[in-house]
Amino acid sequence: MQNANADEYYLGYGKHAFRLESGTAGCWFNPKNHDDPQPHLSCNVRDLVSDPPVRNQFTGRDETANDVVLDAAGVRRDIDMAGGQLAGPTLHPGVTLSVGPLACTATSVTSLSCSGPTGSFDFDGDAASVTIAGEDTSAASNAAVLAGPGQVCGEVGTRSGPRPVAVLTGQVDCETALRIADTYANDVSVVKQGQGQFAQVEGWLCMWAYVEGRSHRDSYLRCDDDPVAAQASFRIGN
C-alpha cells in the first residue's frame, strides 16, 4: 500500500476530501476543528440497495442509505444531506489517505475501506453494500429483502399465465409484494370495484392501472402502499 500526500487532498477549513476513480464513493475528513471537535468522516456512496433503509431525520421517512459516517458515536449508515459527492482529487487503488486518526484506502476503483478511533467499515461499490466491523449481522440476515425501482421480485401465476412482479417506485419488500400480488390476482374473496378493479390487500391499494401510451387492455396491474400518498409501488405484469 502507498500513502497519499494529505496536502494534495486539503480543501481548507480543516477538511480533506477524495473520490474514487469510478465515482461510486466520495469522502471528506474533518479530523478536528471549530465546528466538530471530534474526528469525523463522511463517505457519500452509491445507494445501499442491499442494506435496510434508514430514517431521514428531516423528512421522517425511511429511505435508502447513501452515506456512511464515522464519528465519536461509531460507524453508521446515513442519508447524505450535502446533495452529492464531494469533488475531491482521485484516490487511486492501493493508496491510503490518512488525516489525523482517520484513514481511508481505495481497495479498487469502485471500493474503499476506512477506519478511525471508534470503528471501521468496508464499502463494496460493485455490490452497493457496506460492512461495518463488529456489526451483528444475524438480524440483518432475517431482515426483509428490499428491491428498488426496476428490480423484479419474481413471478406470480394468474389465469392468463405467469406475470412478473417488479418495483415501480420506492423500496419494496419482495416477499410482501409477491404475497399481495398473488392474493390480488388469485384470491376469489378479494372484492374488486369498477373498471379499475380497485381492491385493498393488506393495506395496499391494487388496481388495473392506466399506463400512458397503452390501451387499458394492455396495461399492467399495480399496487400502491398508500391510496393517497404512495411512497412505494409495484406492478404485476409487463
C-alpha atoms as a PDB file:
ATOM      1  CA  MET A   1       0.000   0.000   0.000  1.00  0.00           C
ATOM      2  CA  GLN A   2       1.082   3.556  -0.722  1.00  0.00           C
ATOM      3  CA  ASN A   3       0.416   6.587   1.455  1.00  0.00           C
ATOM      4  CA  ALA A   4      -1.061   9.665  -0.171  1.00  0.00           C
ATOM      5  CA  ASN A   5       0.230  13.184   0.415  1.00  0.00           C
ATOM      6  CA  ALA A   6      -2.535  14.616   2.588  1.00  0.00           C
ATOM      7  CA  ASP A   7      -1.748  18.176   1.430  1.00  0.00           C
ATOM      8  CA  GLU A   8      -2.941  17.259  -2.079  1.00  0.00           C
ATOM      9  CA  TYR A   9      -6.408  16.470  -0.676  1.00  0.00           C
ATOM     10  CA  TYR A  10      -6.772  19.524   1.564  1.00  0.00           C
ATOM     11  CA  LEU A  11      -9.881  21.666   0.906  1.00  0.00           C
ATOM     12  CA  GLY A  12      -9.296  24.292   3.555  1.00  0.00           C
ATOM     13  CA  TYR A  13     -11.116  24.908   6.848  1.00  0.00           C
ATOM     14  CA  GLY A  14      -9.532  21.789   8.329  1.00  0.00           C
ATOM     15  CA  LYS A  15     -11.140  19.456   5.784  1.00  0.00           C
ATOM     16  CA  HIS A  16      -9.737  16.934   3.313  1.00  0.00           C
ATOM     17  CA  ALA A  17     -11.634  15.052   0.596  1.00  0.00           C
ATOM     18  CA  PHE A  18     -11.199  12.431  -2.108  1.00  0.00           C
ATOM     19  CA  ARG A  19     -13.242  10.430  -4.593  1.00  0.00           C
ATOM     20  CA  LEU A  20     -12.790   7.004  -6.163  1.00  0.00           C
ATOM     21  CA  GLU A  21     -11.902   6.661  -9.836  1.00  0.00           C
ATOM     22  CA  SER A  22     -15.310   5.165 -10.644  1.00  0.00           C
ATOM     23  CA  GLY A  23     -17.289   7.848  -8.825  1.00  0.00           C
ATOM     24  CA  THR A  24     -19.062   5.230  -6.685  1.00  0.00           C
ATOM     25  CA  ALA A  25     -17.909   6.971  -3.491  1.00  0.00           C
ATOM     26  CA  GLY A  26     -16.509  10.255  -2.264  1.00  0.00           C
ATOM     27  CA  CYS A  27     -15.365  11.040   1.296  1.00  0.00           C
ATOM     28  CA  TRP A  28     -14.374  14.025   3.371  1.00  0.00           C
ATOM     29  CA  PHE A  29     -12.380  14.167   6.610  1.00  0.00           C
ATOM     30  CA  ASN A  30     -12.844  16.621   9.437  1.00  0.00           C
ATOM     31  CA  PRO A  31     -10.197  15.435  11.925  1.00  0.00           C
ATOM     32  CA  LYS A  32     -10.780  18.278  14.393  1.00  0.00           C
ATOM     33  CA  ASN A  33     -11.845  21.898  14.063  1.00  0.00           C
ATOM     34  CA  HIS A  34     -14.200  24.507  15.468  1.00  0.00           C
ATOM     35  CA  ASP A  35     -17.472  23.083  14.065  1.00  0.00           C
ATOM     36  CA  ASP A  36     -16.813  19.447  15.031  1.00  0.00           C
ATOM     37  CA  PRO A  37     -14.263  18.891  17.812  1.00  0.00           C
ATOM     38  CA  GLN A  38     -14.301  15.095  17.356  1.00  0.00           C
ATOM     39  CA  PRO A  39     -12.709  13.156  14.469  1.00  0.00           C
ATOM     40  CA  HIS A  40     -15.374  12.856  11.791  1.00  0.00           C
ATOM     41  CA  LEU A  41     -15.507  11.111   8.418  1.00  0.00           C
ATOM     42  CA  SER A  42     -18.387  11.033   5.934  1.00  0.00           C
ATOM     43  CA  CYS A  43     -18.473   8.961   2.746  1.00  0.00           C
ATOM     44  CA  ASN A  44     -21.186   9.557   0.171  1.00  0.00           C
ATOM     45  CA  VAL A  45     -21.666   6.198  -1.557  1.00  0.00           C
ATOM     46  CA  ARG A  46     -23.858   4.532  -4.154  1.00  0.00           C
ATOM     47  CA  ASP A  47     -27.371   3.774  -2.840  1.00  0.00           C
ATOM     48  CA  LEU A  48     -27.055   0.802  -0.483  1.00  0.00           C
ATOM     49  CA  VAL A  49     -29.861  -1.243  -2.027  1.00  0.00           C
ATOM     50  CA  SER A  50     -28.719  -4.410  -0.251  1.00  0.00           C
ATOM     51  CA  ASP A  51     -28.998  -2.809   3.190  1.00  0.00           C
ATOM     52  CA  PRO A  52     -32.084  -1.935   5.265  1.00  0.00           C
ATOM     53  CA  PRO A  53     -33.329   1.648   4.750  1.00  0.00           C
ATOM     54  CA  VAL A  54     -32.613   4.320   7.376  1.00  0.00           C
ATOM     55  CA  ARG A  55     -34.752   7.120   8.768  1.00  0.00           C
ATOM     56  CA  ASN A  56     -34.265  10.537   7.155  1.00  0.00           C
ATOM     57  CA  GLN A  57     -34.195  12.916  10.117  1.00  0.00           C
ATOM     58  CA  PHE A  58     -35.567  15.791   8.026  1.00  0.00           C
ATOM     59  CA  THR A  59     -38.446  14.042   6.236  1.00  0.00           C
ATOM     60  CA  GLY A  60     -39.185  11.378   8.854  1.00  0.00           C
ATOM     61  CA  ARG A  61     -39.297   8.754   6.096  1.00  0.00           C
ATOM     62  CA  ASP A  62     -37.324   5.551   5.718  1.00  0.00           C
ATOM     63  CA  GLU A  63     -35.016   5.924   2.717  1.00  0.00           C
ATOM     64  CA  THR A  64     -32.200   4.049   1.018  1.00  0.00           C
ATOM     65  CA  ALA A  65     -28.915   4.863   2.767  1.00  0.00           C
ATOM     66  CA  ASN A  66     -26.334   6.592   0.593  1.00  0.00           C
ATOM     67  CA  ASP A  67     -23.802   7.751   3.168  1.00  0.00           C
ATOM     68  CA  VAL A  68     -21.555   6.174   5.811  1.00  0.00           C
ATOM     69  CA  VAL A  69     -20.497   8.232   8.831  1.00  0.00           C
ATOM     70  CA  LEU A  70     -17.644   7.531  11.242  1.00  0.00           C
ATOM     71  CA  ASP A  71     -17.679   9.844  14.252  1.00  0.00           C
ATOM     72  CA  ALA A  72     -17.444   9.810  18.050  1.00  0.00           C
ATOM     73  CA  ALA A  73     -20.531   7.563  18.238  1.00  0.00           C
ATOM     74  CA  GLY A  74     -19.072   4.899  15.925  1.00  0.00           C
ATOM     75  CA  VAL A  75     -19.960   3.902  12.354  1.00  0.00           C
ATOM     76  CA  ARG A  76     -23.465   4.133  10.886  1.00  0.00           C
ATOM     77  CA  ARG A  77     -25.322   4.189   7.588  1.00  0.00           C
ATOM     78  CA  ASP A  78     -26.994   7.535   6.919  1.00  0.00           C
ATOM     79  CA  ILE A  79     -28.629   9.829   4.352  1.00  0.00           C
ATOM     80  CA  ASP A  80     -26.376  12.290   2.522  1.00  0.00           C
ATOM     81  CA  MET A  81     -27.571  15.818   3.274  1.00  0.00           C
ATOM     82  CA  ALA A  82     -24.917  17.615   1.218  1.00  0.00           C
ATOM     83  CA  GLY A  83     -26.671  16.873  -2.070  1.00  0.00           C
ATOM     84  CA  GLY A  84     -23.880  14.945  -3.774  1.00  0.00           C
ATOM     85  CA  GLN A  85     -20.389  13.544  -3.602  1.00  0.00           C
ATOM     86  CA  LEU A  86     -17.525  15.925  -2.945  1.00  0.00           C
ATOM     87  CA  ALA A  87     -15.352  16.542  -5.974  1.00  0.00           C
ATOM     88  CA  GLY A  88     -12.003  15.934  -4.263  1.00  0.00           C
ATOM     89  CA  PRO A  89      -8.944  14.551  -6.042  1.00  0.00           C
ATOM     90  CA  THR A  90      -8.968  10.887  -7.044  1.00  0.00           C
ATOM     91  CA  LEU A  91      -7.652   8.329  -4.569  1.00  0.00           C
ATOM     92  CA  HIS A  92      -6.253   5.541  -6.719  1.00  0.00           C
ATOM     93  CA  PRO A  93      -6.410   1.807  -5.859  1.00  0.00           C
ATOM     94  CA  GLY A  94      -3.851   0.734  -3.300  1.00  0.00           C
ATOM     95  CA  VAL A  95      -3.394   4.279  -1.920  1.00  0.00           C
ATOM     96  CA  THR A  96      -4.230   5.270   1.671  1.00  0.00           C
ATOM     97  CA  LEU A  97      -5.134   8.792   2.766  1.00  0.00           C
ATOM     98  CA  SER A  98      -4.520   9.401   6.483  1.00  0.00           C
ATOM     99  CA  VAL A  99      -5.677  12.564   8.230  1.00  0.00           C
ATOM    100  CA  GLY A 100      -5.038  12.588  11.959  1.00  0.00           C
ATOM    101  CA  PRO A 101      -6.531   9.367  13.414  1.00  0.00           C
ATOM    102  CA  LEU A 102      -8.710   8.770  10.321  1.00  0.00           C
ATOM    103  CA  ALA A 103      -7.674   6.753   7.273  1.00  0.00           C
ATOM    104  CA  CYS A 104      -9.248   5.512   4.040  1.00  0.00           C
ATOM    105  CA  THR A 105      -7.787   3.147   1.446  1.00  0.00           C
ATOM    106  CA  ALA A 106      -9.063   2.754  -2.096  1.00  0.00           C
ATOM    107  CA  THR A 107      -9.187  -1.029  -2.346  1.00  0.00           C
ATOM    108  CA  SER A 108     -10.247  -0.856  -6.021  1.00  0.00           C
ATOM    109  CA  VAL A 109     -11.619   1.715  -8.457  1.00  0.00           C
ATOM    110  CA  THR A 110     -15.091   1.098  -7.001  1.00  0.00           C
ATOM    111  CA  SER A 111     -14.480   0.197  -3.339  1.00  0.00           C
ATOM    112  CA  LEU A 112     -12.815   1.507  -0.196  1.00  0.00           C
ATOM    113  CA  SER A 113     -12.003   0.728   3.426  1.00  0.00           C
ATOM    114  CA  CYS A 114     -11.979   3.365   6.203  1.00  0.00           C
ATOM    115  CA  SER A 115     -11.074   3.354   9.901  1.00  0.00           C
ATOM    116  CA  GLY A 116     -10.861   5.652  12.892  1.00  0.00           C
ATOM    117  CA  PRO A 117     -10.750   5.626  16.705  1.00  0.00           C
ATOM    118  CA  THR A 118     -14.347   4.382  17.025  1.00  0.00           C
ATOM    119  CA  GLY A 119     -14.608   1.789  14.259  1.00  0.00           C
ATOM    120  CA  SER A 120     -14.054   0.797  10.651  1.00  0.00           C
ATOM    121  CA  PHE A 121     -16.038  -0.188   7.565  1.00  0.00           C
ATOM    122  CA  ASP A 122     -15.668  -1.509   4.036  1.00  0.00           C
ATOM    123  CA  PHE A 123     -17.707  -0.259   1.079  1.00  0.00           C
ATOM    124  CA  ASP A 124     -18.139  -2.609  -1.874  1.00  0.00           C
ATOM    125  CA  GLY A 125     -19.094  -0.416  -4.805  1.00  0.00           C
ATOM    126  CA  ASP A 126     -19.876  -3.345  -7.074  1.00  0.00           C
ATOM    127  CA  ALA A 127     -22.375  -4.864  -4.631  1.00  0.00           C
ATOM    128  CA  ALA A 128     -23.516  -1.443  -3.310  1.00  0.00           C
ATOM    129  CA  SER A 129     -23.119  -2.651   0.287  1.00  0.00           C
ATOM    130  CA  VAL A 130     -21.303  -1.656   3.456  1.00  0.00           C
ATOM    131  CA  THR A 131     -19.764  -3.986   6.042  1.00  0.00           C
ATOM    132  CA  ILE A 132     -19.208  -2.426   9.474  1.00  0.00           C
ATOM    133  CA  ALA A 133     -16.621  -4.100  11.699  1.00  0.00           C
ATOM    134  CA  GLY A 134     -18.199  -5.818  14.708  1.00  0.00           C
ATOM    135  CA  GLU A 135     -21.743  -5.352  13.415  1.00  0.00           C
ATOM    136  CA  ASP A 136     -24.235  -8.055  14.372  1.00  0.00           C
ATOM    137  CA  THR A 137     -25.410  -9.394  11.020  1.00  0.00           C
ATOM    138  CA  SER A 138     -27.776 -12.022  12.449  1.00  0.00           C
ATOM    139  CA  ALA A 139     -30.683  -9.572  12.486  1.00  0.00           C
ATOM    140  CA  ALA A 140     -29.813  -8.349   9.004  1.00  0.00           C
ATOM    141  CA  SER A 141     -29.896 -11.888   7.669  1.00  0.00           C
ATOM    142  CA  ASN A 142     -33.505 -12.168   8.820  1.00  0.00           C
ATOM    143  CA  ALA A 143     -34.457  -8.737   7.550  1.00  0.00           C
ATOM    144  CA  ALA A 144     -36.752  -8.119   4.623  1.00  0.00           C
ATOM    145  CA  VAL A 145     -35.253  -8.313   1.146  1.00  0.00           C
ATOM    146  CA  LEU A 146     -35.900  -4.870  -0.316  1.00  0.00           C
ATOM    147  CA  ALA A 147     -35.921  -4.073  -4.008  1.00  0.00           C
ATOM    148  CA  GLY A 148     -35.768  -0.716  -5.754  1.00  0.00           C
ATOM    149  CA  PRO A 149     -37.286   0.694  -8.956  1.00  0.00           C
ATOM    150  CA  GLY A 150     -36.893  -1.632 -11.941  1.00  0.00           C
ATOM    151  CA  GLN A 151     -35.965  -4.685  -9.884  1.00  0.00           C
ATOM    152  CA  VAL A 152     -38.019  -7.843 -10.397  1.00  0.00           C
ATOM    153  CA  CYS A 153     -39.031  -9.727  -7.241  1.00  0.00           C
ATOM    154  CA  GLY A 154     -40.285 -12.845  -9.019  1.00  0.00           C
ATOM    155  CA  GLU A 155     -43.426 -14.121 -10.725  1.00  0.00           C
ATOM    156  CA  VAL A 156     -46.992 -14.939  -9.725  1.00  0.00           C
ATOM    157  CA  GLY A 157     -49.329 -17.255 -11.557  1.00  0.00           C
ATOM    158  CA  THR A 158     -52.531 -15.770 -12.922  1.00  0.00           C
ATOM    159  CA  ARG A 159     -55.371 -17.087 -15.075  1.00  0.00           C
ATOM    160  CA  SER A 160     -53.598 -15.595 -18.111  1.00  0.00           C
ATOM    161  CA  GLY A 161     -50.262 -17.175 -17.163  1.00  0.00           C
ATOM    162  CA  PRO A 162     -47.235 -16.164 -15.051  1.00  0.00           C
ATOM    163  CA  ARG A 163     -46.602 -12.458 -14.618  1.00  0.00           C
ATOM    164  CA  PRO A 164     -43.508 -10.679 -13.266  1.00  0.00           C
ATOM    165  CA  VAL A 165     -43.753  -8.610 -10.095  1.00  0.00           C
ATOM    166  CA  ALA A 166     -41.450  -5.593 -10.326  1.00  0.00           C
ATOM    167  CA  VAL A 167     -40.906  -2.437  -8.277  1.00  0.00           C
ATOM    168  CA  LEU A 168     -42.113   0.834  -9.788  1.00  0.00           C
ATOM    169  CA  THR A 169     -41.267   3.349  -7.050  1.00  0.00           C
ATOM    170  CA  GLY A 170     -39.642   3.389  -3.613  1.00  0.00           C
ATOM    171  CA  GLN A 171     -38.307   0.379  -1.717  1.00  0.00           C
ATOM    172  CA  VAL A 172     -40.485  -2.737  -1.595  1.00  0.00           C
ATOM    173  CA  ASP A 173     -40.163  -5.939   0.443  1.00  0.00           C
ATOM    174  CA  CYS A 174     -40.210  -8.626  -2.252  1.00  0.00           C
ATOM    175  CA  GLU A 175     -41.850 -11.245  -0.041  1.00  0.00           C
ATOM    176  CA  THR A 176     -44.674  -8.827   0.722  1.00  0.00           C
ATOM    177  CA  ALA A 177     -45.058  -7.803  -2.929  1.00  0.00           C
ATOM    178  CA  LEU A 178     -45.287 -11.408  -4.135  1.00  0.00           C
ATOM    179  CA  ARG A 179     -47.801 -12.320  -1.435  1.00  0.00           C
ATOM    180  CA  ILE A 180     -50.016  -9.306  -2.157  1.00  0.00           C
ATOM    181  CA  ALA A 181     -49.778  -9.848  -5.924  1.00  0.00           C
ATOM    182  CA  ASP A 182     -50.827 -13.479  -5.558  1.00  0.00           C
ATOM    183  CA  THR A 183     -53.729 -12.564  -3.268  1.00  0.00           C
ATOM    184  CA  TYR A 184     -54.956  -9.787  -5.538  1.00  0.00           C
ATOM    185  CA  ALA A 185     -54.696 -11.901  -8.691  1.00  0.00           C
ATOM    186  CA  ASN A 186     -55.970 -15.209  -7.390  1.00  0.00           C
ATOM    187  CA  ASP A 187     -57.946 -14.919  -4.134  1.00  0.00           C
ATOM    188  CA  VAL A 188     -61.657 -15.011  -5.036  1.00  0.00           C
ATOM    189  CA  SER A 189     -62.546 -13.405  -1.699  1.00  0.00           C
ATOM    190  CA  VAL A 190     -60.874 -10.124  -2.785  1.00  0.00           C
ATOM    191  CA  VAL A 191     -63.653  -7.759  -3.919  1.00  0.00           C
ATOM    192  CA  LYS A 192     -62.605  -5.635  -6.926  1.00  0.00           C
ATOM    193  CA  GLN A 193     -64.540  -2.492  -7.759  1.00  0.00           C
ATOM    194  CA  GLY A 194     -65.151  -0.704 -11.055  1.00  0.00           C
ATOM    195  CA  GLN A 195     -63.298  -0.851 -14.354  1.00  0.00           C
ATOM    196  CA  GLY A 196     -60.076  -0.171 -12.473  1.00  0.00           C
ATOM    197  CA  GLN A 197     -60.637  -3.313 -10.362  1.00  0.00           C
ATOM    198  CA  PHE A 198     -59.692  -1.429  -7.194  1.00  0.00           C
ATOM    199  CA  ALA A 199     -59.145  -3.542  -4.078  1.00  0.00           C
ATOM    200  CA  GLN A 200     -57.392  -3.218  -0.723  1.00  0.00           C
ATOM    201  CA  VAL A 201     -54.945  -6.023   0.107  1.00  0.00           C
ATOM    202  CA  GLU A 202     -53.092  -5.793   3.448  1.00  0.00           C
ATOM    203  CA  GLY A 203     -53.410  -2.014   3.321  1.00  0.00           C
ATOM    204  CA  TRP A 204     -52.079  -1.761  -0.245  1.00  0.00           C
ATOM    205  CA  LEU A 205     -54.370  -0.383  -2.973  1.00  0.00           C
ATOM    206  CA  CYS A 206     -54.202  -2.599  -6.045  1.00  0.00           C
ATOM    207  CA  MET A 207     -55.749  -1.756  -9.404  1.00  0.00           C
ATOM    208  CA  TRP A 208     -55.777  -2.299 -13.142  1.00  0.00           C
ATOM    209  CA  ALA A 209     -53.657   0.725 -13.988  1.00  0.00           C
ATOM    210  CA  TYR A 210     -53.956   3.163 -16.862  1.00  0.00           C
ATOM    211  CA  VAL A 211     -50.481   3.397 -18.395  1.00  0.00           C
ATOM    212  CA  GLU A 212     -49.615   6.255 -20.737  1.00  0.00           C
ATOM    213  CA  GLY A 213     -49.120   5.095 -24.299  1.00  0.00           C
ATOM    214  CA  ARG A 214     -51.020   1.837 -23.779  1.00  0.00           C
ATOM    215  CA  SER A 215     -54.586   0.748 -24.078  1.00  0.00           C
ATOM    216  CA  HIS A 216     -56.223  -0.242 -20.817  1.00  0.00           C
ATOM    217  CA  ARG A 217     -56.380  -3.830 -22.025  1.00  0.00           C
ATOM    218  CA  ASP A 218     -52.590  -3.941 -22.466  1.00  0.00           C
ATOM    219  CA  SER A 219     -51.764  -2.257 -19.143  1.00  0.00           C
ATOM    220  CA  TYR A 220     -50.303  -3.974 -16.100  1.00  0.00           C
ATOM    221  CA  LEU A 221     -51.783  -4.313 -12.619  1.00  0.00           C
ATOM    222  CA  ARG A 222     -50.386  -2.009  -9.941  1.00  0.00           C
ATOM    223  CA  CYS A 223     -50.312  -1.885  -6.135  1.00  0.00           C
ATOM    224  CA  ASP A 224     -49.523   1.230  -4.035  1.00  0.00           C
ATOM    225  CA  ASP A 225     -48.628   1.214  -0.349  1.00  0.00           C
ATOM    226  CA  ASP A 226     -50.948   4.166   0.339  1.00  0.00           C
ATOM    227  CA  PRO A 227     -54.147   5.078  -1.529  1.00  0.00           C
ATOM    228  CA  VAL A 228     -53.494   8.833  -1.176  1.00  0.00           C
ATOM    229  CA  ALA A 229     -49.737   9.477  -0.967  1.00  0.00           C
ATOM    230  CA  ALA A 230     -47.928   6.334  -2.075  1.00  0.00           C
ATOM    231  CA  GLN A 231     -44.223   6.102  -1.295  1.00  0.00           C
ATOM    232  CA  ALA A 232     -43.769   2.647  -2.821  1.00  0.00           C
ATOM    233  CA  SER A 233     -45.474   0.717  -5.596  1.00  0.00           C
ATOM    234  CA  PHE A 234     -45.030  -2.369  -7.740  1.00  0.00           C
ATOM    235  CA  ARG A 235     -46.522  -3.742 -10.927  1.00  0.00           C
ATOM    236  CA  ILE A 236     -47.897  -7.165 -11.802  1.00  0.00           C
ATOM    237  CA  GLY A 237     -47.185  -7.810 -15.462  1.00  0.00           C
ATOM    238  CA  ASN A 238     -45.050  -6.167 -18.131  1.00  0.00           C
END
